[in-house]
Amino acid sequence: MKFLPVISVAVVSFFCASATDPDSEDTSRQSIPIHSSVMFAGAIQDTMVIDVSLPASYDVDTSAQYPVLYLTDGYWRRGQHQPIHDMAREENVKEVIIVGIGYPDSNNPDVIRVRDLINNPGRFLDFILHQLIPYIENNYRTNREKTLWGSSYGGYFVMYALFNYYTNTKGVFHSYIVASAAALETTDFGGTPTDLFGFEQNLASNTTELNVNLHITVGGSEESYRFLDPFKRLVQTLENRRYTGFFMKSYIDPGKDHPTVWEPTLYEGVRMFLSK
């Protein structure tokens, strides 16, 4: 399939918000710009907006190569670029290239997310694997370490990508970070509506290997039927499989609900899987 080229439209005029007091006079802190481009996704046949922010040292050490953190729902995650870059300066965390995957502002996110993350995750994954990642690796100095993040519908998609390990994602993503996966949503699979448990069963039918890392959480105050109970069942299922090479850290975050659990999950996953 021939894809249309990426067309750079802007270097975002704002800078990422700092993880600490914005009135601080700490002159050693460097605000990181987000570079936004539009990309026509051949597998989806629609336009995406790709946000990229680079480590502070990127233009200083021109021989360095960096891991890449891919964020679903990128238009909602622009505020997390700066805190993650700050972690590299203030904590024992690697410098990282951050790539947000989003849409033009004119799109309705409630509709477009269902289309791509739930109804057609295979097409969305195909776009990431065969168009977005090659573009990032051809245009930026990356190493082979890639992490994929998602929450809610994005969490469903990230787990879908993980459960496609045998057929599509083996050797692509090193780590997965997931908050509040909508595990009971269904995608057509061979003519049958299939939830995450069905995709996991398909994986287990094909391999005993799952050589990846997973940090997965849910808020302790989330709905039991939609999130808490499926989370517990999913974690138990993965523990019982005993996949070779698989590492999982699961956590129910007390007091957190659906809108508040995702951000600490993202930062903790970065600390866990992108530590020096």
Foldseek 3Di string as FASTA:
>chain_A
DDFDDKDFDFFDPDFADAPDDPPDPPPVQDTWTWGWIWGQQPLVRHIKIKIKTFAPCCVPPVVDAAEEEEEEVQVVCSNVPNHLSVCCVVHQFPTYMYMYIGHPPVDDCVPVLCVDLFANVVSVVCSCQPPVVVVCVVPGRHDQEYEYEAEASGLQSQLLLLLCCVPPCPSRYQEYFYEQYQQPGFYQDVNDTDGSVRSNVVSLVPALARQHEYEYEYEPPEDCVRGVVVLVVVVVVVVVSNRPNYHYDYYHHYPDYRVGPRPVSVVVRSCVPRGD
